[in-house]
C-alpha atoms as a PDB file:
ATOM      1  CA  UNK A   1      71.164-116.083  64.903  1.00  0.00           C
ATOM      2  CA  UNK A   2      74.593-118.444  66.037  1.00  0.00           C
ATOM      3  CA  UNK A   3      76.377-120.527  64.116  1.00  0.00           C
ATOM      4  CA  UNK A   4      75.982-124.189  63.894  1.00  0.00           C
ATOM      5  CA  UNK A   5      78.283-127.159  63.025  1.00  0.00           C
ATOM      6  CA  UNK A   6      77.651-129.836  60.541  1.00  0.00           C
ATOM      7  CA  UNK A   7      76.605-131.520  63.383  1.00  0.00           C
ATOM      8  CA  UNK A   8      73.865-128.922  64.730  1.00  0.00           C
ATOM      9  CA  UNK A   9      76.293-128.266  67.738  1.00  0.00           C
ATOM     10  CA  UNK A  10      75.748-124.238  68.545  1.00  0.00           C
ATOM     11  CA  UNK A  11      79.944-123.703  68.844  1.00  0.00           C
ATOM     12  CA  UNK A  12      79.010-120.016  69.313  1.00  0.00           C
ATOM     13  CA  UNK A  13      77.358-120.702  72.224  1.00  0.00           C
ATOM     14  CA  UNK A  14      80.068-123.037  73.811  1.00  0.00           C
ATOM     15  CA  UNK A  15      82.000-120.407  73.173  1.00  0.00           C
ATOM     16  CA  UNK A  16      80.556-118.127  75.155  1.00  0.00           C
ATOM     17  CA  UNK A  17      79.922-119.872  78.168  1.00  0.00           C
ATOM     18  CA  UNK A  18      83.803-121.462  78.643  1.00  0.00           C
ATOM     19  CA  UNK A  19      85.258-117.756  77.623  1.00  0.00           C
ATOM     20  CA  UNK A  20      82.970-114.968  79.264  1.00  0.00           C
ATOM     21  CA  UNK A  21      81.470-114.399  82.353  1.00  0.00           C
ATOM     22  CA  UNK A  22      77.665-113.670  82.683  1.00  0.00           C
ATOM     23  CA  UNK A  23      78.343-109.891  83.078  1.00  0.00           C
ATOM     24  CA  UNK A  24      80.260-110.339  79.761  1.00  0.00           C
ATOM     25  CA  UNK A  25      77.963-111.937  77.782  1.00  0.00           C
ATOM     26  CA  UNK A  26      75.487-109.592  78.256  1.00  0.00           C
ATOM     27  CA  UNK A  27      77.764-107.093  77.503  1.00  0.00           C
ATOM     28  CA  UNK A  28      78.302-108.955  73.772  1.00  0.00           C
ATOM     29  CA  UNK A  29      74.930-109.476  73.230  1.00  0.00           C
ATOM     30  CA  UNK A  30      74.105-105.838  74.505  1.00  0.00           C
ATOM     31  CA  UNK A  31      76.244-105.028  71.243  1.00  0.00           C
ATOM     32  CA  UNK A  32      74.966-107.874  69.316  1.00  0.00           C
ATOM     33  CA  UNK A  33      71.157-106.461  69.569  1.00  0.00           C
ATOM     34  CA  UNK A  34      72.734-102.771  68.651  1.00  0.00           C
ATOM     35  CA  UNK A  35      74.482-104.223  65.079  1.00  0.00           C
ATOM     36  CA  UNK A  36      71.012-106.490  64.257  1.00  0.00           C
ATOM     37  CA  UNK A  37      69.443-102.850  63.868  1.00  0.00           C
ATOM     38  CA  UNK A  38      71.587-100.508  62.821  1.00  0.00           C
ATOM     39  CA  UNK A  39      72.422 -99.484  58.995  1.00  0.00           C
ATOM     40  CA  UNK A  40      75.595-101.652  57.958  1.00  0.00           C
ATOM     41  CA  UNK A  41      77.139 -98.163  57.409  1.00  0.00           C
ATOM     42  CA  UNK A  42      77.035 -97.128  61.012  1.00  0.00           C
ATOM     43  CA  UNK A  43      79.773 -98.534  62.471  1.00  0.00           C
ATOM     44  CA  UNK A  44      80.044 -97.739  66.025  1.00  0.00           C
ATOM     45  CA  UNK A  45      83.302 -97.057  67.220  1.00  0.00           C
ATOM     46  CA  UNK A  46      83.685-100.833  68.762  1.00  0.00           C
ATOM     47  CA  UNK A  47      82.886-102.181  65.771  1.00  0.00           C
ATOM     48  CA  UNK A  48      84.142-102.688  61.992  1.00  0.00           C
ATOM     49  CA  UNK A  49      84.745-104.994  58.455  1.00  0.00           C
ATOM     50  CA  UNK A  50      87.307-106.867  59.000  1.00  0.00           C
ATOM     51  CA  UNK A  51      90.067-105.899  56.318  1.00  0.00           C
ATOM     52  CA  UNK A  52      90.821-108.740  53.544  1.00  0.00           C
ATOM     53  CA  UNK A  53      87.823-110.543  54.765  1.00  0.00           C
ATOM     54  CA  UNK A  54      84.327-109.652  52.898  1.00  0.00           C
ATOM     55  CA  UNK A  55      81.906-109.478  54.747  1.00  0.00           C
ATOM     56  CA  UNK A  56      83.399-110.385  58.460  1.00  0.00           C
ATOM     57  CA  UNK A  57      82.567-107.797  61.048  1.00  0.00           C
ATOM     58  CA  UNK A  58      85.088-107.724  64.211  1.00  0.00           C
ATOM     59  CA  UNK A  59      83.319-106.522  67.306  1.00  0.00           C
ATOM     60  CA  UNK A  60      85.779-105.773  70.157  1.00  0.00           C
ATOM     61  CA  UNK A  61      84.686-106.271  73.779  1.00  0.00           C
ATOM     62  CA  UNK A  62      87.181-105.667  76.734  1.00  0.00           C
ATOM     63  CA  UNK A  63      86.036-107.548  79.500  1.00  0.00           C
ATOM     64  CA  UNK A  64      88.676-108.420  82.387  1.00  0.00           C
ATOM     65  CA  UNK A  65      91.497-107.527  80.688  1.00  0.00           C
ATOM     66  CA  UNK A  66      91.146-109.294  77.632  1.00  0.00           C
ATOM     67  CA  UNK A  67      90.708-108.248  74.449  1.00  0.00           C
ATOM     68  CA  UNK A  68      87.847-110.285  72.491  1.00  0.00           C
ATOM     69  CA  UNK A  69      87.081-110.214  68.871  1.00  0.00           C
ATOM     70  CA  UNK A  70      83.909-112.451  68.407  1.00  0.00           C
ATOM     71  CA  UNK A  71      83.428-112.185  64.149  1.00  0.00           C
ATOM     72  CA  UNK A  72      80.005-112.111  63.117  1.00  0.00           C
ATOM     73  CA  UNK A  73      78.333-111.673  58.824  1.00  0.00           C
ATOM     74  CA  UNK A  74      75.206-110.337  58.125  1.00  0.00           C
ATOM     75  CA  UNK A  75      72.861-113.185  56.488  1.00  0.00           C
ATOM     76  CA  UNK A  76      71.993-115.710  55.494  1.00  0.00           C
ATOM     77  CA  UNK A  77      68.833-113.486  55.639  1.00  0.00           C
ATOM     78  CA  UNK A  78      68.283-110.166  55.017  1.00  0.00           C
ATOM     79  CA  UNK A  79      68.657-107.761  58.328  1.00  0.00           C
ATOM     80  CA  UNK A  80      70.054-110.943  59.889  1.00  0.00           C
ATOM     81  CA  UNK A  81      73.400-110.773  62.067  1.00  0.00           C
ATOM     82  CA  UNK A  82      74.911-114.163  62.935  1.00  0.00           C
ATOM     83  CA  UNK A  83      77.632-114.709  65.326  1.00  0.00           C
ATOM     84  CA  UNK A  84      80.379-116.672  63.227  1.00  0.00           C
ATOM     85  CA  UNK A  85      83.622-117.552  65.247  1.00  0.00           C
ATOM     86  CA  UNK A  86      84.653-116.354  69.107  1.00  0.00           C
ATOM     87  CA  UNK A  87      88.095-114.914  69.264  1.00  0.00           C
ATOM     88  CA  UNK A  88      90.903-113.474  71.402  1.00  0.00           C
ATOM     89  CA  UNK A  89      93.169-110.298  70.373  1.00  0.00           C
ATOM     90  CA  UNK A  90      96.734-111.140  71.306  1.00  0.00           C
ATOM     91  CA  UNK A  91      99.376-108.871  71.181  1.00  0.00           C
ATOM     92  CA  UNK A  92      97.766-107.516  67.954  1.00  0.00           C
ATOM     93  CA  UNK A  93      97.013-110.587  66.543  1.00  0.00           C
ATOM     94  CA  UNK A  94      93.794-113.010  66.473  1.00  0.00           C
ATOM     95  CA  UNK A  95      93.711-115.576  68.641  1.00  0.00           C
ATOM     96  CA  UNK A  96      93.783-118.503  67.238  1.00  0.00           C
ATOM     97  CA  UNK A  97      95.448-117.130  64.581  1.00  0.00           C
ATOM     98  CA  UNK A  98      93.318-118.550  61.669  1.00  0.00           C
ATOM     99  CA  UNK A  99      89.807-117.137  63.349  1.00  0.00           C
ATOM    100  CA  UNK A 100      89.532-114.800  60.503  1.00  0.00           C
ATOM    101  CA  UNK A 101      89.774-117.648  58.049  1.00  0.00           C
ATOM    102  CA  UNK A 102      87.240-120.510  59.660  1.00  0.00           C
ATOM    103  CA  UNK A 103      85.045-117.690  60.145  1.00  0.00           C
ATOM    104  CA  UNK A 104      85.001-117.257  55.977  1.00  0.00           C
ATOM    105  CA  UNK A 105      84.261-120.298  55.661  1.00  0.00           C
ATOM    106  CA  UNK A 106      81.437-120.550  57.976  1.00  0.00           C
ATOM    107  CA  UNK A 107      79.897-117.702  56.327  1.00  0.00           C
ATOM    108  CA  UNK A 108      80.416-119.643  52.739  1.00  0.00           C
ATOM    109  CA  UNK A 109      78.937-122.554  54.778  1.00  0.00           C
ATOM    110  CA  UNK A 110      75.763-121.067  55.968  1.00  0.00           C
ATOM    111  CA  UNK A 111      75.163-118.690  52.567  1.00  0.00           C
ATOM    112  CA  UNK A 112      75.119-122.192  51.379  1.00  0.00           C
ATOM    113  CA  UNK A 113      73.062-124.057  54.125  1.00  0.00           C
ATOM    114  CA  UNK A 114      70.672-121.693  55.818  1.00  0.00           C
ATOM    115  CA  UNK A 115      70.139-124.459  58.140  1.00  0.00           C
ATOM    116  CA  UNK A 116      73.505-124.215  59.878  1.00  0.00           C
ATOM    117  CA  UNK A 117      72.071-121.104  62.197  1.00  0.00           C
ATOM    118  CA  UNK A 118      69.553-120.801  65.408  1.00  0.00           C
ATOM    119  CA  UNK A 119      68.223-118.248  66.698  1.00  0.00           C
ATOM    120  CA  UNK A 120      70.771-116.877  69.348  1.00  0.00           C
ATOM    121  CA  UNK A 121      69.392-117.505  72.655  1.00  0.00           C
ATOM    122  CA  UNK A 122      70.258-113.587  74.756  1.00  0.00           C
ATOM    123  CA  UNK A 123      70.289-113.800  78.108  1.00  0.00           C
ATOM    124  CA  UNK A 124      67.318-111.641  78.601  1.00  0.00           C
ATOM    125  CA  UNK A 125      65.367-114.526  77.087  1.00  0.00           C
ATOM    126  CA  UNK A 126      67.059-116.616  79.470  1.00  0.00           C
ATOM    127  CA  UNK A 127      65.903-114.941  82.556  1.00  0.00           C
ATOM    128  CA  UNK A 128      61.903-113.933  81.373  1.00  0.00           C
END
């Protein structure tokens, strides 16, 4: 699932298209599919709960020498993985610096209003 702002815009999709090449998007989407299929206690080495931000998950993706750190949560429904915010890591810090706080705010929004998510359009879906 992708987070939608209050106007219904898919900000996640916009970030993906601006920041990642097609190959990068494909790599990230493969990790999203893996995360959606596993138990919440079986974190692969490239994913982990973000300390200090309850319910926020950080996926680590290095592509074309850039450290991407997209932030996710499970929800709003059972076994749903929702992409909340696109970020990078620069010098051991998030860019933008408030990315974890913004992801937490978005998580709260989708918990209150389940209409603020839509199914993620995976690269495979677009080519089939």
